C-alpha atoms as a PDB file:
ATOM      1  CA  MET A   1      28.076  96.332 156.118  1.00  0.00           C
ATOM      2  CA  ALA A   2      31.121  96.855 158.131  1.00  0.00           C
ATOM      3  CA  SER A   3      32.817  97.726 155.022  1.00  0.00           C
ATOM      4  CA  GLU A   4      30.413 100.585 154.159  1.00  0.00           C
ATOM      5  CA  TRP A   5      30.938 101.802 157.975  1.00  0.00           C
ATOM      6  CA  MET A   6      34.793 101.380 157.471  1.00  0.00           C
ATOM      7  CA  LEU A   7      34.456 103.945 154.038  1.00  0.00           C
ATOM      8  CA  ARG A   8      32.531 106.391 155.437  1.00  0.00           C
ATOM      9  CA  GLN A   9      34.665 106.320 158.737  1.00  0.00           C
ATOM     10  CA  SER A  10      37.061 107.343 156.019  1.00  0.00           C
ATOM     11  CA  LEU A  11      35.420 110.291 153.962  1.00  0.00           C
ATOM     12  CA  PRO A  12      36.523 114.040 155.281  1.00  0.00           C
ATOM     13  CA  LEU A  13      34.018 115.087 157.044  1.00  0.00           C
ATOM     14  CA  VAL A  14      35.348 118.611 155.532  1.00  0.00           C
ATOM     15  CA  TYR A  15      36.053 119.129 151.717  1.00  0.00           C
ATOM     16  CA  GLN A  16      37.474 122.476 151.525  1.00  0.00           C
ATOM     17  CA  TRP A  17      38.656 124.514 148.238  1.00  0.00           C
ATOM     18  CA  ASP A  18      40.432 127.673 147.916  1.00  0.00           C
ATOM     19  CA  ALA A  19      42.388 129.654 145.482  1.00  0.00           C
ATOM     20  CA  LEU A  20      44.994 126.888 145.884  1.00  0.00           C
ATOM     21  CA  ARG A  21      42.240 123.724 145.303  1.00  0.00           C
ATOM     22  CA  SER A  22      39.801 124.912 142.991  1.00  0.00           C
ATOM     23  CA  PRO A  23      36.485 122.204 143.702  1.00  0.00           C
ATOM     24  CA  PRO A  24      36.708 119.382 141.010  1.00  0.00           C
ATOM     25  CA  LYS A  25      34.933 120.024 137.405  1.00  0.00           C
ATOM     26  CA  LEU A  26      34.036 118.032 134.738  1.00  0.00           C
ATOM     27  CA  ALA A  27      33.979 118.889 130.951  1.00  0.00           C
ATOM     28  CA  LEU A  28      31.163 117.298 128.566  1.00  0.00           C
ATOM     29  CA  ARG A  29      31.732 117.211 125.166  1.00  0.00           C
ATOM     30  CA  LEU A  30      29.507 115.928 121.667  1.00  0.00           C
ATOM     31  CA  ALA A  31      31.410 112.309 120.566  1.00  0.00           C
ATOM     32  CA  ASN A  32      29.091 110.361 118.016  1.00  0.00           C
ATOM     33  CA  ARG A  33      26.398 113.011 118.435  1.00  0.00           C
ATOM     34  CA  ARG A  34      26.880 111.293 122.750  1.00  0.00           C
ATOM     35  CA  PRO A  35      27.822 113.298 125.451  1.00  0.00           C
ATOM     36  CA  THR A  36      31.474 111.718 126.550  1.00  0.00           C
ATOM     37  CA  ARG A  37      33.846 113.759 129.140  1.00  0.00           C
ATOM     38  CA  ALA A  38      36.074 115.106 127.654  1.00  0.00           C
ATOM     39  CA  LEU A  39      39.889 115.658 128.466  1.00  0.00           C
ATOM     40  CA  GLY A  40      41.064 119.454 129.167  1.00  0.00           C
ATOM     41  CA  GLY A  41      39.911 122.758 129.218  1.00  0.00           C
ATOM     42  CA  GLU A  42      38.656 122.157 132.876  1.00  0.00           C
ATOM     43  CA  ASP A  43      40.449 125.124 134.054  1.00  0.00           C
ATOM     44  CA  SER A  44      38.959 127.512 131.423  1.00  0.00           C
ATOM     45  CA  ILE A  45      36.035 129.968 133.449  1.00  0.00           C
ATOM     46  CA  GLU A  46      35.430 132.284 130.648  1.00  0.00           C
ATOM     47  CA  THR A  47      32.810 131.600 128.295  1.00  0.00           C
ATOM     48  CA  ASP A  48      33.273 133.621 125.258  1.00  0.00           C
ATOM     49  CA  PRO A  49      34.358 133.963 122.820  1.00  0.00           C
ATOM     50  CA  VAL A  50      32.996 130.985 121.555  1.00  0.00           C
ATOM     51  CA  THR A  51      35.962 129.391 120.771  1.00  0.00           C
ATOM     52  CA  ARG A  52      36.579 128.894 124.375  1.00  0.00           C
ATOM     53  CA  PRO A  53      34.454 126.066 126.715  1.00  0.00           C
ATOM     54  CA  PHE A  54      30.850 127.420 128.546  1.00  0.00           C
ATOM     55  CA  ASP A  55      30.657 127.352 131.565  1.00  0.00           C
ATOM     56  CA  PHE A  56      27.700 125.683 132.632  1.00  0.00           C
ATOM     57  CA  THR A  57      28.099 126.915 136.834  1.00  0.00           C
ATOM     58  CA  ALA A  58      29.052 130.847 135.819  1.00  0.00           C
ATOM     59  CA  ALA A  59      25.846 130.913 133.853  1.00  0.00           C
ATOM     60  CA  MET A  60      23.694 129.637 136.011  1.00  0.00           C
ATOM     61  CA  THR A  61      25.216 131.188 138.879  1.00  0.00           C
ATOM     62  CA  ALA A  62      24.757 134.302 137.166  1.00  0.00           C
ATOM     63  CA  LEU A  63      20.842 133.257 136.241  1.00  0.00           C
ATOM     64  CA  CYS A  64      19.994 132.778 139.658  1.00  0.00           C
ATOM     65  CA  ALA A  65      21.312 135.883 140.878  1.00  0.00           C
ATOM     66  CA  ASP A  66      18.766 137.875 138.795  1.00  0.00           C
ATOM     67  CA  ILE A  67      16.573 136.147 139.646  1.00  0.00           C
ATOM     68  CA  ILE A  68      16.817 136.287 142.995  1.00  0.00           C
ATOM     69  CA  ARG A  69      17.074 140.500 142.157  1.00  0.00           C
ATOM     70  CA  ARG A  70      13.839 139.770 140.280  1.00  0.00           C
ATOM     71  CA  THR A  71      11.461 137.156 143.117  1.00  0.00           C
ATOM     72  CA  PRO A  72      11.094 138.624 146.242  1.00  0.00           C
ATOM     73  CA  THR A  73      10.149 135.080 147.062  1.00  0.00           C
ATOM     74  CA  PHE A  74      14.491 133.783 146.745  1.00  0.00           C
ATOM     75  CA  ALA A  75      15.137 137.363 149.116  1.00  0.00           C
ATOM     76  CA  HIS A  76      16.545 134.658 150.859  1.00  0.00           C
ATOM     77  CA  ILE A  77      18.877 133.345 149.734  1.00  0.00           C
ATOM     78  CA  ASP A  78      22.342 134.251 149.607  1.00  0.00           C
ATOM     79  CA  LEU A  79      24.155 133.008 146.736  1.00  0.00           C
ATOM     80  CA  SER A  80      27.626 132.907 148.376  1.00  0.00           C
ATOM     81  CA  ARG A  81      26.583 129.994 150.221  1.00  0.00           C
ATOM     82  CA  LEU A  82      25.322 127.924 147.392  1.00  0.00           C
ATOM     83  CA  LEU A  83      27.044 125.969 145.055  1.00  0.00           C
ATOM     84  CA  VAL A  84      25.698 125.239 141.111  1.00  0.00           C
ATOM     85  CA  ALA A  85      27.175 122.123 140.386  1.00  0.00           C
ATOM     86  CA  MET A  86      26.387 119.447 137.211  1.00  0.00           C
ATOM     87  CA  THR A  87      26.502 116.171 136.912  1.00  0.00           C
ATOM     88  CA  LEU A  88      26.380 113.928 133.557  1.00  0.00           C
ATOM     89  CA  ALA A  89      23.049 111.912 133.363  1.00  0.00           C
ATOM     90  CA  ARG A  90      22.802 107.900 133.832  1.00  0.00           C
ATOM     91  CA  ASN A  91      21.622 107.464 130.229  1.00  0.00           C
ATOM     92  CA  GLY A  92      19.888 109.429 127.022  1.00  0.00           C
ATOM     93  CA  ARG A  93      16.237 109.924 128.340  1.00  0.00           C
ATOM     94  CA  ARG A  94      14.482 113.220 127.734  1.00  0.00           C
ATOM     95  CA  HIS A  95      12.234 111.966 130.618  1.00  0.00           C
ATOM     96  CA  GLY A  96      13.993 111.696 134.101  1.00  0.00           C
ATOM     97  CA  LEU A  97      15.810 113.959 136.972  1.00  0.00           C
ATOM     98  CA  GLN A  98      16.161 117.341 136.191  1.00  0.00           C
ATOM     99  CA  ALA A  99      18.241 119.171 139.381  1.00  0.00           C
ATOM    100  CA  ARG A 100      18.809 118.831 142.882  1.00  0.00           C
ATOM    101  CA  VAL A 101      18.714 120.197 145.663  1.00  0.00           C
ATOM    102  CA  THR A 102      21.252 119.596 148.721  1.00  0.00           C
ATOM    103  CA  PRO A 103      20.911 120.438 151.688  1.00  0.00           C
ATOM    104  CA  LEU A 104      23.324 120.364 153.919  1.00  0.00           C
ATOM    105  CA  ARG A 105      22.101 120.783 157.406  1.00  0.00           C
ATOM    106  CA  PHE A 106      18.697 118.851 158.916  1.00  0.00           C
ATOM    107  CA  ARG A 107      15.708 120.477 160.393  1.00  0.00           C
ATOM    108  CA  GLY A 108      16.721 123.843 161.462  1.00  0.00           C
ATOM    109  CA  GLY A 109      19.981 123.887 160.549  1.00  0.00           C
ATOM    110  CA  ALA A 110      21.256 121.005 163.072  1.00  0.00           C
ATOM    111  CA  LEU A 111      24.431 119.932 161.561  1.00  0.00           C
ATOM    112  CA  ALA A 112      24.344 115.929 162.659  1.00  0.00           C
ATOM    113  CA  THR A 113      20.944 113.430 163.370  1.00  0.00           C
ATOM    114  CA  VAL A 114      20.867 110.716 165.357  1.00  0.00           C
ATOM    115  CA  HIS A 115      19.721 107.036 163.910  1.00  0.00           C
ATOM    116  CA  ARG A 116      19.132 103.795 165.050  1.00  0.00           C
ATOM    117  CA  GLY A 117      20.858 105.121 168.353  1.00  0.00           C
ATOM    118  CA  LYS A 118      23.817 105.927 166.440  1.00  0.00           C
ATOM    119  CA  ALA A 119      25.032 110.385 165.653  1.00  0.00           C
ATOM    120  CA  TYR A 120      26.471 111.331 162.106  1.00  0.00           C
ATOM    121  CA  GLN A 121      27.028 114.364 160.461  1.00  0.00           C
ATOM    122  CA  VAL A 122      26.444 115.611 157.019  1.00  0.00           C
ATOM    123  CA  GLN A 123      29.808 116.336 155.389  1.00  0.00           C
ATOM    124  CA  ARG A 124      30.495 119.894 154.941  1.00  0.00           C
ATOM    125  CA  MET A 125      31.594 121.819 151.693  1.00  0.00           C
ATOM    126  CA  VAL A 126      34.007 125.321 152.807  1.00  0.00           C
ATOM    127  CA  VAL A 127      35.115 127.838 149.792  1.00  0.00           C
ATOM    128  CA  ASP A 128      37.830 130.362 150.538  1.00  0.00           C
ATOM    129  CA  ARG A 129      37.147 129.872 154.269  1.00  0.00           C
ATOM    130  CA  ARG A 130      33.031 130.510 153.876  1.00  0.00           C
ATOM    131  CA  GLU A 131      30.810 127.349 154.476  1.00  0.00           C
ATOM    132  CA  ILE A 132      28.410 126.142 151.792  1.00  0.00           C
ATOM    133  CA  LEU A 133      24.649 125.032 152.975  1.00  0.00           C
ATOM    134  CA  TYR A 134      23.463 124.182 149.137  1.00  0.00           C
ATOM    135  CA  VAL A 135      23.917 122.452 146.466  1.00  0.00           C
ATOM    136  CA  VAL A 136      22.211 123.148 143.407  1.00  0.00           C
ATOM    137  CA  THR A 137      22.874 120.431 140.864  1.00  0.00           C
ATOM    138  CA  PHE A 138      21.886 119.873 136.949  1.00  0.00           C
ATOM    139  CA  CYS A 139      21.541 116.899 134.927  1.00  0.00           C
ATOM    140  CA  LEU A 140      23.225 117.273 131.654  1.00  0.00           C
ATOM    141  CA  PRO A 141      22.942 116.654 128.951  1.00  0.00           C
ATOM    142  CA  ARG A 142      18.954 115.902 130.116  1.00  0.00           C
ATOM    143  CA  PHE A 143      18.293 119.801 131.540  1.00  0.00           C
ATOM    144  CA  LEU A 144      19.585 121.307 128.499  1.00  0.00           C
ATOM    145  CA  ASN A 145      17.548 118.986 126.152  1.00  0.00           C
ATOM    146  CA  ARG A 146      14.008 120.285 127.513  1.00  0.00           C
ATOM    147  CA  ASP A 147      11.979 123.836 126.316  1.00  0.00           C
ATOM    148  CA  PHE A 148      13.255 127.308 127.770  1.00  0.00           C
ATOM    149  CA  ASP A 149      10.033 127.278 129.921  1.00  0.00           C
ATOM    150  CA  ASP A 150      10.981 123.792 131.198  1.00  0.00           C
ATOM    151  CA  LYS A 151      14.427 124.807 132.455  1.00  0.00           C
ATOM    152  CA  LEU A 152      13.578 127.871 133.105  1.00  0.00           C
ATOM    153  CA  VAL A 153      10.053 126.538 135.737  1.00  0.00           C
ATOM    154  CA  THR A 154      13.938 124.133 136.970  1.00  0.00           C
ATOM    155  CA  VAL A 155      15.394 126.181 138.321  1.00  0.00           C
ATOM    156  CA  PHE A 156      12.223 128.180 140.199  1.00  0.00           C
ATOM    157  CA  HIS A 157      11.541 124.766 141.410  1.00  0.00           C
ATOM    158  CA  GLU A 158      14.746 124.100 142.380  1.00  0.00           C
ATOM    159  CA  LEU A 159      15.555 127.305 144.638  1.00  0.00           C
ATOM    160  CA  TYR A 160      11.517 127.354 146.218  1.00  0.00           C
ATOM    161  CA  HIS A 161      12.884 124.158 148.255  1.00  0.00           C
ATOM    162  CA  ILE A 162      15.286 126.433 149.859  1.00  0.00           C
ATOM    163  CA  SER A 163      14.007 127.174 153.406  1.00  0.00           C
ATOM    164  CA  PRO A 164      13.378 130.352 154.329  1.00  0.00           C
ATOM    165  CA  ALA A 165      15.117 130.399 157.662  1.00  0.00           C
ATOM    166  CA  PHE A 166      18.708 129.218 154.901  1.00  0.00           C
ATOM    167  CA  ASP A 167      19.849 127.482 157.764  1.00  0.00           C
ATOM    168  CA  GLY A 168      20.812 124.845 155.254  1.00  0.00           C
ATOM    169  CA  ASP A 169      17.405 123.184 155.740  1.00  0.00           C
ATOM    170  CA  LEU A 170      14.919 121.958 153.191  1.00  0.00           C
ATOM    171  CA  ARG A 171      11.789 124.121 152.827  1.00  0.00           C
ATOM    172  CA  ARG A 172       9.412 122.293 154.546  1.00  0.00           C
ATOM    173  CA  HIS A 173       5.404 122.215 153.395  1.00  0.00           C
ATOM    174  CA  LYS A 174       2.727 121.730 156.421  1.00  0.00           C
ATOM    175  CA  GLY A 175       1.509 117.922 155.909  1.00  0.00           C
ATOM    176  CA  ARG A 176       2.417 114.210 154.601  1.00  0.00           C
ATOM    177  CA  TYR A 177       4.061 115.470 151.393  1.00  0.00           C
ATOM    178  CA  CYS A 178       6.509 118.655 153.042  1.00  0.00           C
ATOM    179  CA  ALA A 179       8.551 118.941 150.148  1.00  0.00           C
ATOM    180  CA  HIS A 180       5.430 120.052 146.831  1.00  0.00           C
ATOM    181  CA  THR A 181       2.991 120.810 148.636  1.00  0.00           C
ATOM    182  CA  GLY A 182       0.096 117.885 149.261  1.00  0.00           C
ATOM    183  CA  SER A 183       0.389 118.917 145.565  1.00  0.00           C
ATOM    184  CA  GLN A 184       2.766 118.432 142.560  1.00  0.00           C
ATOM    185  CA  LYS A 185      -0.239 119.804 140.307  1.00  0.00           C
ATOM    186  CA  LYS A 186      -0.212 122.727 142.656  1.00  0.00           C
ATOM    187  CA  TYR A 187       2.875 123.644 143.263  1.00  0.00           C
ATOM    188  CA  ASP A 188       4.501 123.179 139.067  1.00  0.00           C
ATOM    189  CA  ALA A 189       2.030 125.610 138.457  1.00  0.00           C
ATOM    190  CA  HIS A 190       3.215 128.209 141.178  1.00  0.00           C
ATOM    191  CA  MET A 191       6.931 128.243 140.225  1.00  0.00           C
ATOM    192  CA  ALA A 192       5.462 128.410 136.328  1.00  0.00           C
ATOM    193  CA  LYS A 193       3.758 131.284 137.495  1.00  0.00           C
ATOM    194  CA  LEU A 194       7.073 133.017 139.507  1.00  0.00           C
ATOM    195  CA  ALA A 195       9.072 132.264 136.436  1.00  0.00           C
ATOM    196  CA  ALA A 196       6.024 133.939 134.110  1.00  0.00           C
ATOM    197  CA  ALA A 197       6.585 137.372 136.180  1.00  0.00           C
ATOM    198  CA  TYR A 198      10.004 137.256 136.650  1.00  0.00           C
ATOM    199  CA  LEU A 199      10.068 137.428 132.554  1.00  0.00           C
ATOM    200  CA  LYS A 200       7.435 140.070 132.200  1.00  0.00           C
ATOM    201  CA  GLU A 201       9.241 142.535 135.303  1.00  0.00           C
ATOM    202  CA  GLY A 202      12.061 142.395 132.767  1.00  0.00           C
ATOM    203  CA  GLY A 203      14.368 139.380 133.771  1.00  0.00           C
ATOM    204  CA  ASP A 204      17.895 139.647 132.232  1.00  0.00           C
ATOM    205  CA  PRO A 205      18.382 138.007 128.573  1.00  0.00           C
ATOM    206  CA  SER A 206      21.665 138.736 128.879  1.00  0.00           C
ATOM    207  CA  HIS A 207      21.230 135.815 130.965  1.00  0.00           C
ATOM    208  CA  HIS A 208      18.753 133.783 130.495  1.00  0.00           C
ATOM    209  CA  ALA A 209      19.294 133.214 126.775  1.00  0.00           C
ATOM    210  CA  PHE A 210      21.708 130.625 126.977  1.00  0.00           C
ATOM    211  CA  LEU A 211      18.356 127.989 128.205  1.00  0.00           C
ATOM    212  CA  ARG A 212      17.111 128.819 124.155  1.00  0.00           C
ATOM    213  CA  GLN A 213      20.371 126.349 123.458  1.00  0.00           C
ATOM    214  CA  SER A 214      20.500 122.828 123.088  1.00  0.00           C
ATOM    215  CA  PHE A 215      23.566 120.752 124.920  1.00  0.00           C
ATOM    216  CA  ALA A 216      24.294 120.162 121.102  1.00  0.00           C
ATOM    217  CA  GLU A 217      23.925 123.569 120.875  1.00  0.00           C
ATOM    218  CA  LEU A 218      25.797 124.166 123.259  1.00  0.00           C
ATOM    219  CA  CYS A 219      28.674 121.977 122.404  1.00  0.00           C
ATOM    220  CA  ARG A 220      28.713 122.572 118.151  1.00  0.00           C
ATOM    221  CA  ARG A 221      29.452 126.510 119.505  1.00  0.00           C
ATOM    222  CA  HIS A 222      31.955 125.726 122.493  1.00  0.00           C
ATOM    223  CA  GLY A 223      33.040 122.379 121.877  1.00  0.00           C
ATOM    224  CA  THR A 224      32.901 121.791 125.250  1.00  0.00           C
ATOM    225  CA  VAL A 225      30.747 122.178 128.623  1.00  0.00           C
ATOM    226  CA  ILE A 226      32.101 122.530 131.640  1.00  0.00           C
ATOM    227  CA  GLY A 227      31.148 123.220 134.978  1.00  0.00           C
ATOM    228  CA  LEU A 228      31.317 122.331 139.011  1.00  0.00           C
ATOM    229  CA  HIS A 229      31.479 118.456 139.433  1.00  0.00           C
ATOM    230  CA  LEU A 230      31.175 117.945 143.576  1.00  0.00           C
ATOM    231  CA  PRO A 231      30.393 115.132 145.462  1.00  0.00           C
ATOM    232  CA  ARG A 232      27.216 114.002 146.489  1.00  0.00           C
ATOM    233  CA  PRO A 233      26.791 114.811 150.784  1.00  0.00           C
ATOM    234  CA  LYS A 234      27.354 111.475 152.876  1.00  0.00           C
ATOM    235  CA  LEU A 235      26.276 111.072 156.137  1.00  0.00           C
ATOM    236  CA  ILE A 236      29.679 110.501 159.007  1.00  0.00           C
ATOM    237  CA  PRO A 237      29.397 108.143 161.731  1.00  0.00           C
ATOM    238  CA  VAL A 238      30.759 110.116 165.104  1.00  0.00           C
ATOM    239  CA  PRO A 239      31.101 109.224 168.613  1.00  0.00           C
ATOM    240  CA  PHE A 240      29.281 112.006 169.635  1.00  0.00           C
ATOM    241  CA  THR A 241      26.203 113.500 169.477  1.00  0.00           C
ATOM    242  CA  PRO A 242      27.029 117.412 168.349  1.00  0.00           C
ATOM    243  CA  HIS A 243      25.150 120.518 169.646  1.00  0.00           C
ATOM    244  CA  GLY A 244      21.917 121.025 168.016  1.00  0.00           C
ATOM    245  CA  ALA A 245      21.148 116.740 166.505  1.00  0.00           C
ATOM    246  CA  GLU A 246      18.152 115.826 165.841  1.00  0.00           C
ATOM    247  CA  THR A 247      17.298 113.225 167.788  1.00  0.00           C
ATOM    248  CA  SER A 248      14.289 112.258 165.698  1.00  0.00           C
ATOM    249  CA  ILE A 249      14.043 110.793 162.351  1.00  0.00           C
ATOM    250  CA  GLU A 250      12.929 111.670 159.511  1.00  0.00           C
ATOM    251  CA  PRO A 251      13.190 111.354 155.858  1.00  0.00           C
ATOM    252  CA  THR A 252      15.812 113.096 154.633  1.00  0.00           C
ATOM    253  CA  PRO A 253      17.580 114.069 151.308  1.00  0.00           C
ATOM    254  CA  HIS A 254      20.776 112.569 152.774  1.00  0.00           C
ATOM    255  CA  GLU A 255      22.141 108.707 151.779  1.00  0.00           C
ATOM    256  CA  MET A 256      21.548 107.210 155.031  1.00  0.00           C
ATOM    257  CA  PRO A 257      23.452 104.171 156.611  1.00  0.00           C
ATOM    258  CA  LYS A 258      21.567 100.999 156.502  1.00  0.00           C
END
């Protein structure tokens, strides 16, 4: 416990990236039919021609921009304060975590919280002097190996978690099940309805076409799949309670110290 406390105190309160120090990236490719980290090619951001790596972050960000533009439900989302990242799935199973949205604030946009009488601040991310409020991470290759409809609905699912106030907190529903309402089935059906409406209203095929390809197909076409690979924000102990900190504890997506 003491070593974990020391480790958390040594972590940076703010990750800062810019043109001179870009956010970390991950490159994946197929080797013996299994995904593996690839060396080289991480600095390329082009998705065409096919001889270049496929930039998953750029493609997914463009798709999210098209979805937000055509879906009034997401009009509050500012993509300049959201990062799309990818991570390597822990195993090759088809079922499991597909994606997650990580908020960088607590209820009401609070920067810190109090846990067992101690104050903690969530690590912050700043890119080109603009503070990031959300990170949406996709688990590859698992996510890309789903069918087209499942992948598109998953994107809507993650965007819908973002608070309508866009204050760095999650959307909170009434009742015990604040993340997905009281019915996961109804929640999923609502996301499917939003995704279908997006396609019906003219969702740009050039932005969602990559979802029709599997991870292996993208690798065969581009050689490598690259994207941002960001550290998962942790709670850092601070010697005071910052203004606006939460004073009560509730389940959060951040890793609470034991």
